[in-house]
Amino acid sequence: MSAAVAALLHHKKSATTTDTATSATSAPAVGEWDSDHIPLSPAGAAGWFTDCYTEITAVNLGSVFNNLLAVYIAIERGYNWEKGGGSSLGGTGIRPKQLTQWVGAGRGLRGGSMSKGAGPSIDSLAVFDDAWWRWWGKLQPSWRRPQGDKPGRFERNTYPASKGEWSAIRHPGQNGLLGVIATLYWWGKAVKKEGEREDRESWTEAVSDVKWLLKGLVASESKGADGGGE
């Protein structure tokens, strides 16, 4: 990861950029985005990112998800918008079927029913919820300790000192972390439309856990960029 992430971590909240003609505020330092406004795709982002980002931000899901988007932007920017190639997340065999459908349909970029932010349909929130958490559990670094008896739940205490212990989740690009963010987007849309309280709580917990882990990845990589860590 480049030194860009280290700069993001020290960026002041008051700073603004003109990523678009509307001079909106771009995503600030990691963890500082707490807004009902969706962070903009940076002007210098690669085409694949801008196109896919549009597909997973068509509906505003609120500050909890927007905060995660800011962290996600920092990661992809830090890897210089690397498309990813063969770098993909694990758990392909158990990931939610909607992700497989979306990838097969060109990530919403070929037109059709999944385009313009529609994404694949979620027929059952309960089934998707269970599938997502089981998949997320398989993606975790070995140092994370399970919490409770529900699949995919882990403690959020401290991050490891070793940069090398992040390899399980260090997958930028269109075949990597984009899939995690996309599934949370579709899930959040479905919850917003027809979810009950327990559905909202589970989705919010999922977004919070992903954000926590990805913030740790950003911090780990920025240490490497600064010359610290491994």
C-alpha atoms as a PDB file:
ATOM      1  CA  MET A   1       0.000   0.000   0.000  1.00  0.00           C
ATOM      2  CA  SER A   2       1.282   3.463  -0.841  1.00  0.00           C
ATOM      3  CA  ALA A   3       1.947   6.341   1.538  1.00  0.00           C
ATOM      4  CA  ALA A   4      -1.382   7.808   0.458  1.00  0.00           C
ATOM      5  CA  VAL A   5      -3.157   5.928   3.217  1.00  0.00           C
ATOM      6  CA  ALA A   6      -0.805   7.304   5.840  1.00  0.00           C
ATOM      7  CA  ALA A   7      -1.663  10.780   4.612  1.00  0.00           C
ATOM      8  CA  LEU A   8      -5.364   9.980   4.827  1.00  0.00           C
ATOM      9  CA  LEU A   9      -5.008   8.921   8.431  1.00  0.00           C
ATOM     10  CA  HIS A  10      -3.565  12.314   9.325  1.00  0.00           C
ATOM     11  CA  HIS A  11      -5.854  14.377   7.106  1.00  0.00           C
ATOM     12  CA  LYS A  12      -7.814  17.022   9.021  1.00  0.00           C
ATOM     13  CA  LYS A  13     -11.583  16.745   9.097  1.00  0.00           C
ATOM     14  CA  SER A  14     -12.012  20.332   7.996  1.00  0.00           C
ATOM     15  CA  ALA A  15     -10.135  19.814   4.745  1.00  0.00           C
ATOM     16  CA  THR A  16     -12.159  19.687   1.535  1.00  0.00           C
ATOM     17  CA  THR A  17     -11.405  18.920  -2.068  1.00  0.00           C
ATOM     18  CA  THR A  18     -13.158  19.526  -5.340  1.00  0.00           C
ATOM     19  CA  ASP A  19     -13.624  15.969  -6.581  1.00  0.00           C
ATOM     20  CA  THR A  20     -16.566  17.062  -8.724  1.00  0.00           C
ATOM     21  CA  ALA A  21     -17.877  20.264 -10.218  1.00  0.00           C
ATOM     22  CA  THR A  22     -20.187  20.608  -7.229  1.00  0.00           C
ATOM     23  CA  SER A  23     -17.220  21.028  -4.847  1.00  0.00           C
ATOM     24  CA  ALA A  24     -18.630  18.521  -2.367  1.00  0.00           C
ATOM     25  CA  THR A  25     -16.576  17.326   0.562  1.00  0.00           C
ATOM     26  CA  SER A  26     -14.607  14.190  -0.210  1.00  0.00           C
ATOM     27  CA  ALA A  27     -13.960  11.347   2.201  1.00  0.00           C
ATOM     28  CA  PRO A  28     -11.731  12.691   5.014  1.00  0.00           C
ATOM     29  CA  ALA A  29      -9.493  10.793   7.399  1.00  0.00           C
ATOM     30  CA  VAL A  30     -10.483   7.221   8.134  1.00  0.00           C
ATOM     31  CA  GLY A  31     -13.044   7.077  10.901  1.00  0.00           C
ATOM     32  CA  GLU A  32     -13.990  10.757  10.656  1.00  0.00           C
ATOM     33  CA  TRP A  33     -16.815  10.429   8.134  1.00  0.00           C
ATOM     34  CA  ASP A  34     -20.063  10.756  10.062  1.00  0.00           C
ATOM     35  CA  SER A  35     -22.491  12.142   7.559  1.00  0.00           C
ATOM     36  CA  ASP A  36     -25.789  11.395   5.914  1.00  0.00           C
ATOM     37  CA  HIS A  37     -24.068  12.241   2.629  1.00  0.00           C
ATOM     38  CA  ILE A  38     -22.444   9.491   0.584  1.00  0.00           C
ATOM     39  CA  PRO A  39     -18.669  10.017   0.146  1.00  0.00           C
ATOM     40  CA  LEU A  40     -17.745  10.919  -3.410  1.00  0.00           C
ATOM     41  CA  SER A  41     -15.700   8.678  -5.641  1.00  0.00           C
ATOM     42  CA  PRO A  42     -12.356  10.518  -5.889  1.00  0.00           C
ATOM     43  CA  ALA A  43     -11.563  12.251  -9.159  1.00  0.00           C
ATOM     44  CA  GLY A  44      -8.405  10.198  -9.636  1.00  0.00           C
ATOM     45  CA  ALA A  45     -10.035   6.808  -9.135  1.00  0.00           C
ATOM     46  CA  ALA A  46      -9.723   4.125 -11.788  1.00  0.00           C
ATOM     47  CA  GLY A  47     -12.642   3.534 -14.103  1.00  0.00           C
ATOM     48  CA  TRP A  48     -13.478   0.128 -12.668  1.00  0.00           C
ATOM     49  CA  PHE A  49     -13.802   1.643  -9.185  1.00  0.00           C
ATOM     50  CA  THR A  50     -15.912   4.620 -10.244  1.00  0.00           C
ATOM     51  CA  ASP A  51     -18.299   2.402 -12.199  1.00  0.00           C
ATOM     52  CA  CYS A  52     -18.692  -0.197  -9.450  1.00  0.00           C
ATOM     53  CA  TYR A  53     -18.900   2.421  -6.717  1.00  0.00           C
ATOM     54  CA  THR A  54     -21.839   3.999  -8.516  1.00  0.00           C
ATOM     55  CA  GLU A  55     -23.585   0.621  -8.448  1.00  0.00           C
ATOM     56  CA  ILE A  56     -23.242   0.281  -4.666  1.00  0.00           C
ATOM     57  CA  THR A  57     -24.156   3.837  -3.693  1.00  0.00           C
ATOM     58  CA  ALA A  58     -27.344   4.493  -5.675  1.00  0.00           C
ATOM     59  CA  VAL A  59     -29.364   4.419  -2.441  1.00  0.00           C
ATOM     60  CA  ASN A  60     -28.199   6.350   0.617  1.00  0.00           C
ATOM     61  CA  LEU A  61     -28.168   3.932   3.564  1.00  0.00           C
ATOM     62  CA  GLY A  62     -27.172   6.531   6.147  1.00  0.00           C
ATOM     63  CA  SER A  63     -24.106   7.516   8.127  1.00  0.00           C
ATOM     64  CA  VAL A  64     -23.236   4.016   9.389  1.00  0.00           C
ATOM     65  CA  PHE A  65     -22.770   2.693   5.864  1.00  0.00           C
ATOM     66  CA  ASN A  66     -21.321   5.968   4.568  1.00  0.00           C
ATOM     67  CA  ASN A  67     -18.606   5.753   7.214  1.00  0.00           C
ATOM     68  CA  LEU A  68     -17.705   2.289   5.939  1.00  0.00           C
ATOM     69  CA  LEU A  69     -17.595   3.627   2.376  1.00  0.00           C
ATOM     70  CA  ALA A  70     -15.026   6.223   3.456  1.00  0.00           C
ATOM     71  CA  VAL A  71     -12.797   3.474   4.861  1.00  0.00           C
ATOM     72  CA  TYR A  72     -13.253   1.396   1.724  1.00  0.00           C
ATOM     73  CA  ILE A  73     -12.260   4.335  -0.471  1.00  0.00           C
ATOM     74  CA  ALA A  74      -9.102   4.779   1.612  1.00  0.00           C
ATOM     75  CA  ILE A  75      -8.161   1.133   1.042  1.00  0.00           C
ATOM     76  CA  GLU A  76      -8.638   1.132  -2.718  1.00  0.00           C
ATOM     77  CA  ARG A  77      -6.899   4.512  -3.027  1.00  0.00           C
ATOM     78  CA  GLY A  78      -4.016   3.192  -0.940  1.00  0.00           C
ATOM     79  CA  TYR A  79      -3.568   0.323  -3.376  1.00  0.00           C
ATOM     80  CA  ASN A  80      -3.600   2.813  -6.266  1.00  0.00           C
ATOM     81  CA  TRP A  81      -6.986   1.556  -7.481  1.00  0.00           C
ATOM     82  CA  GLU A  82      -5.496  -1.822  -8.356  1.00  0.00           C
ATOM     83  CA  LYS A  83      -8.108  -3.792 -10.297  1.00  0.00           C
ATOM     84  CA  GLY A  84      -7.120  -6.995  -8.607  1.00  0.00           C
ATOM     85  CA  GLY A  85      -6.671  -9.583 -11.306  1.00  0.00           C
ATOM     86  CA  GLY A  86      -6.654 -12.962  -9.595  1.00  0.00           C
ATOM     87  CA  SER A  87      -6.655 -11.540  -6.083  1.00  0.00           C
ATOM     88  CA  SER A  88      -9.964 -12.655  -4.640  1.00  0.00           C
ATOM     89  CA  LEU A  89     -11.496 -13.294  -1.267  1.00  0.00           C
ATOM     90  CA  GLY A  90     -11.915 -16.767   0.122  1.00  0.00           C
ATOM     91  CA  GLY A  91     -15.147 -18.540   0.886  1.00  0.00           C
ATOM     92  CA  THR A  92     -16.339 -18.539  -2.721  1.00  0.00           C
ATOM     93  CA  GLY A  93     -18.268 -21.752  -2.198  1.00  0.00           C
ATOM     94  CA  ILE A  94     -20.362 -20.362   0.659  1.00  0.00           C
ATOM     95  CA  ARG A  95     -20.713 -16.705  -0.220  1.00  0.00           C
ATOM     96  CA  PRO A  96     -24.240 -15.353  -0.721  1.00  0.00           C
ATOM     97  CA  LYS A  97     -25.573 -16.475  -4.094  1.00  0.00           C
ATOM     98  CA  GLN A  98     -26.423 -12.871  -4.938  1.00  0.00           C
ATOM     99  CA  LEU A  99     -22.732 -11.991  -5.144  1.00  0.00           C
ATOM    100  CA  THR A 100     -22.129 -14.784  -7.645  1.00  0.00           C
ATOM    101  CA  GLN A 101     -25.097 -13.576  -9.669  1.00  0.00           C
ATOM    102  CA  TRP A 102     -23.874  -9.974  -9.614  1.00  0.00           C
ATOM    103  CA  VAL A 103     -20.351 -10.847 -10.697  1.00  0.00           C
ATOM    104  CA  GLY A 104     -21.725 -13.062 -13.455  1.00  0.00           C
ATOM    105  CA  ALA A 105     -23.871 -10.188 -14.685  1.00  0.00           C
ATOM    106  CA  GLY A 106     -20.882  -7.858 -14.962  1.00  0.00           C
ATOM    107  CA  ARG A 107     -21.370  -6.186 -11.570  1.00  0.00           C
ATOM    108  CA  GLY A 108     -24.372  -4.292 -12.845  1.00  0.00           C
ATOM    109  CA  LEU A 109     -22.416  -2.693 -15.674  1.00  0.00           C
ATOM    110  CA  ARG A 110     -23.979  -4.602 -18.575  1.00  0.00           C
ATOM    111  CA  GLY A 111     -27.464  -3.218 -18.169  1.00  0.00           C
ATOM    112  CA  GLY A 112     -30.398  -5.388 -17.259  1.00  0.00           C
ATOM    113  CA  SER A 113     -32.221  -5.858 -13.982  1.00  0.00           C
ATOM    114  CA  MET A 114     -29.109  -5.536 -11.799  1.00  0.00           C
ATOM    115  CA  SER A 115     -27.924  -2.212 -13.225  1.00  0.00           C
ATOM    116  CA  LYS A 116     -28.277   1.348 -11.900  1.00  0.00           C
ATOM    117  CA  GLY A 117     -27.749   0.234  -8.328  1.00  0.00           C
ATOM    118  CA  ALA A 118     -30.570  -2.318  -8.309  1.00  0.00           C
ATOM    119  CA  GLY A 119     -28.318  -5.289  -7.719  1.00  0.00           C
ATOM    120  CA  PRO A 120     -29.648  -8.820  -7.219  1.00  0.00           C
ATOM    121  CA  SER A 121     -32.836  -9.416  -5.300  1.00  0.00           C
ATOM    122  CA  ILE A 122     -32.949 -10.751  -1.741  1.00  0.00           C
ATOM    123  CA  ASP A 123     -36.004 -12.966  -1.377  1.00  0.00           C
ATOM    124  CA  SER A 124     -35.473 -13.744   2.302  1.00  0.00           C
ATOM    125  CA  LEU A 125     -33.661 -11.470   4.730  1.00  0.00           C
ATOM    126  CA  ALA A 126     -33.258 -14.340   7.187  1.00  0.00           C
ATOM    127  CA  VAL A 127     -31.585 -16.580   4.609  1.00  0.00           C
ATOM    128  CA  PHE A 128     -29.305 -13.794   3.376  1.00  0.00           C
ATOM    129  CA  ASP A 129     -28.420 -12.807   6.941  1.00  0.00           C
ATOM    130  CA  ASP A 130     -27.342 -16.352   7.789  1.00  0.00           C
ATOM    131  CA  ALA A 131     -25.409 -16.817   4.545  1.00  0.00           C
ATOM    132  CA  TRP A 132     -23.612 -13.490   4.892  1.00  0.00           C
ATOM    133  CA  TRP A 133     -22.452 -14.093   8.449  1.00  0.00           C
ATOM    134  CA  ARG A 134     -21.210 -17.609   7.664  1.00  0.00           C
ATOM    135  CA  TRP A 135     -19.269 -16.267   4.691  1.00  0.00           C
ATOM    136  CA  TRP A 136     -17.846 -13.356   6.688  1.00  0.00           C
ATOM    137  CA  GLY A 137     -16.692 -15.816   9.337  1.00  0.00           C
ATOM    138  CA  LYS A 138     -14.649 -17.687   6.731  1.00  0.00           C
ATOM    139  CA  LEU A 139     -12.890 -14.491   5.637  1.00  0.00           C
ATOM    140  CA  GLN A 140     -11.454 -13.633   9.028  1.00  0.00           C
ATOM    141  CA  PRO A 141      -7.753 -13.510   9.891  1.00  0.00           C
ATOM    142  CA  SER A 142      -6.727 -16.314  12.248  1.00  0.00           C
ATOM    143  CA  TRP A 143      -6.116 -13.896  15.141  1.00  0.00           C
ATOM    144  CA  ARG A 144      -9.778 -12.906  15.507  1.00  0.00           C
ATOM    145  CA  ARG A 145     -11.542 -14.616  18.398  1.00  0.00           C
ATOM    146  CA  PRO A 146     -15.170 -15.767  18.012  1.00  0.00           C
ATOM    147  CA  GLN A 147     -17.762 -14.095  20.197  1.00  0.00           C
ATOM    148  CA  GLY A 148     -20.889 -15.896  21.327  1.00  0.00           C
ATOM    149  CA  ASP A 149     -22.459 -18.829  19.541  1.00  0.00           C
ATOM    150  CA  LYS A 150     -23.646 -17.101  16.373  1.00  0.00           C
ATOM    151  CA  PRO A 151     -21.658 -17.737  13.159  1.00  0.00           C
ATOM    152  CA  GLY A 152     -19.406 -14.930  11.993  1.00  0.00           C
ATOM    153  CA  ARG A 153     -19.374 -12.894  15.199  1.00  0.00           C
ATOM    154  CA  PHE A 154     -15.962 -11.915  16.520  1.00  0.00           C
ATOM    155  CA  GLU A 155     -14.509  -9.820  19.303  1.00  0.00           C
ATOM    156  CA  ARG A 156     -13.369  -6.298  18.478  1.00  0.00           C
ATOM    157  CA  ASN A 157     -10.591  -5.624  20.960  1.00  0.00           C
ATOM    158  CA  THR A 158      -7.119  -4.934  19.612  1.00  0.00           C
ATOM    159  CA  TYR A 159      -5.355  -5.328  16.287  1.00  0.00           C
ATOM    160  CA  PRO A 160      -2.254  -7.518  15.837  1.00  0.00           C
ATOM    161  CA  ALA A 161       1.166  -5.885  15.585  1.00  0.00           C
ATOM    162  CA  SER A 162       2.246  -7.922  12.587  1.00  0.00           C
ATOM    163  CA  LYS A 163       1.366  -6.594   9.158  1.00  0.00           C
ATOM    164  CA  GLY A 164       1.586 -10.117   7.776  1.00  0.00           C
ATOM    165  CA  GLU A 165      -1.413 -11.250   9.787  1.00  0.00           C
ATOM    166  CA  TRP A 166      -3.794  -9.348   7.508  1.00  0.00           C
ATOM    167  CA  SER A 167      -3.309 -11.481   4.406  1.00  0.00           C
ATOM    168  CA  ALA A 168      -6.748 -13.128   4.680  1.00  0.00           C
ATOM    169  CA  ILE A 169      -8.519  -9.822   4.123  1.00  0.00           C
ATOM    170  CA  ARG A 170      -5.902  -7.927   2.087  1.00  0.00           C
ATOM    171  CA  HIS A 171      -7.682  -8.199  -1.250  1.00  0.00           C
ATOM    172  CA  PRO A 172      -8.279  -4.904  -3.050  1.00  0.00           C
ATOM    173  CA  GLY A 173      -9.847  -4.671  -6.475  1.00  0.00           C
ATOM    174  CA  GLN A 174     -13.034  -5.796  -8.120  1.00  0.00           C
ATOM    175  CA  ASN A 175     -12.635  -9.426  -7.036  1.00  0.00           C
ATOM    176  CA  GLY A 176     -11.833  -8.535  -3.456  1.00  0.00           C
ATOM    177  CA  LEU A 177     -13.318  -6.300  -0.805  1.00  0.00           C
ATOM    178  CA  LEU A 178     -15.766  -4.793  -3.280  1.00  0.00           C
ATOM    179  CA  GLY A 179     -17.816  -7.965  -2.858  1.00  0.00           C
ATOM    180  CA  VAL A 180     -18.141  -7.442   0.880  1.00  0.00           C
ATOM    181  CA  ILE A 181     -19.255  -3.828   0.462  1.00  0.00           C
ATOM    182  CA  ALA A 182     -21.666  -4.750  -2.325  1.00  0.00           C
ATOM    183  CA  THR A 183     -23.378  -7.459  -0.275  1.00  0.00           C
ATOM    184  CA  LEU A 184     -23.818  -5.028   2.618  1.00  0.00           C
ATOM    185  CA  TYR A 185     -25.327  -2.512   0.231  1.00  0.00           C
ATOM    186  CA  TRP A 186     -27.955  -4.925  -1.125  1.00  0.00           C
ATOM    187  CA  TRP A 187     -28.677  -6.190   2.372  1.00  0.00           C
ATOM    188  CA  GLY A 188     -29.049  -2.646   3.679  1.00  0.00           C
ATOM    189  CA  LYS A 189     -31.430  -1.730   0.865  1.00  0.00           C
ATOM    190  CA  ALA A 190     -33.624  -4.727   1.645  1.00  0.00           C
ATOM    191  CA  VAL A 191     -33.587  -3.963   5.356  1.00  0.00           C
ATOM    192  CA  LYS A 192     -34.481  -0.332   4.705  1.00  0.00           C
ATOM    193  CA  LYS A 193     -37.425  -1.414   2.573  1.00  0.00           C
ATOM    194  CA  GLU A 194     -38.915  -4.235   4.624  1.00  0.00           C
ATOM    195  CA  GLY A 195     -36.697  -5.148   7.553  1.00  0.00           C
ATOM    196  CA  GLU A 196     -37.748  -5.609  11.148  1.00  0.00           C
ATOM    197  CA  ARG A 197     -35.777  -4.369  14.140  1.00  0.00           C
ATOM    198  CA  GLU A 198     -33.700  -7.556  14.405  1.00  0.00           C
ATOM    199  CA  ASP A 199     -32.862  -7.303  10.696  1.00  0.00           C
ATOM    200  CA  ARG A 200     -31.642  -3.732  11.125  1.00  0.00           C
ATOM    201  CA  GLU A 201     -29.604  -4.692  14.185  1.00  0.00           C
ATOM    202  CA  SER A 202     -27.892  -7.577  12.404  1.00  0.00           C
ATOM    203  CA  TRP A 203     -27.088  -5.449   9.346  1.00  0.00           C
ATOM    204  CA  THR A 204     -25.747  -2.604  11.484  1.00  0.00           C
ATOM    205  CA  GLU A 205     -23.567  -5.036  13.412  1.00  0.00           C
ATOM    206  CA  ALA A 206     -22.240  -6.448  10.142  1.00  0.00           C
ATOM    207  CA  VAL A 207     -21.376  -2.981   8.797  1.00  0.00           C
ATOM    208  CA  SER A 208     -19.686  -2.079  12.088  1.00  0.00           C
ATOM    209  CA  ASP A 209     -17.614  -5.262  12.111  1.00  0.00           C
ATOM    210  CA  VAL A 210     -16.468  -4.839   8.523  1.00  0.00           C
ATOM    211  CA  LYS A 211     -15.553  -1.219   9.215  1.00  0.00           C
ATOM    212  CA  TRP A 212     -13.587  -2.180  12.326  1.00  0.00           C
ATOM    213  CA  LEU A 213     -11.587  -4.807  10.477  1.00  0.00           C
ATOM    214  CA  LEU A 214     -10.896  -2.630   7.454  1.00  0.00           C
ATOM    215  CA  LYS A 215      -9.783   0.289   9.620  1.00  0.00           C
ATOM    216  CA  GLY A 216      -7.269  -2.088  11.165  1.00  0.00           C
ATOM    217  CA  LEU A 217      -6.045  -3.054   7.706  1.00  0.00           C
ATOM    218  CA  VAL A 218      -5.601   0.614   6.765  1.00  0.00           C
ATOM    219  CA  ALA A 219      -3.685   1.304   9.978  1.00  0.00           C
ATOM    220  CA  SER A 220      -1.472  -1.738   9.450  1.00  0.00           C
ATOM    221  CA  GLU A 221      -0.618  -0.806   5.883  1.00  0.00           C
ATOM    222  CA  SER A 222       0.025   2.834   6.751  1.00  0.00           C
ATOM    223  CA  LYS A 223       2.597   1.722   9.316  1.00  0.00           C
ATOM    224  CA  GLY A 224       4.360  -0.107   6.559  1.00  0.00           C
ATOM    225  CA  ALA A 225       4.234   2.986   4.366  1.00  0.00           C
ATOM    226  CA  ASP A 226       5.749   5.024   7.182  1.00  0.00           C
ATOM    227  CA  GLY A 227       8.526   2.514   7.660  1.00  0.00           C
ATOM    228  CA  GLY A 228       7.042   1.054  10.809  1.00  0.00           C
ATOM    229  CA  GLY A 229       5.728  -2.445  11.271  1.00  0.00           C
ATOM    230  CA  GLU A 230       6.732  -5.258   8.979  1.00  0.00           C
END
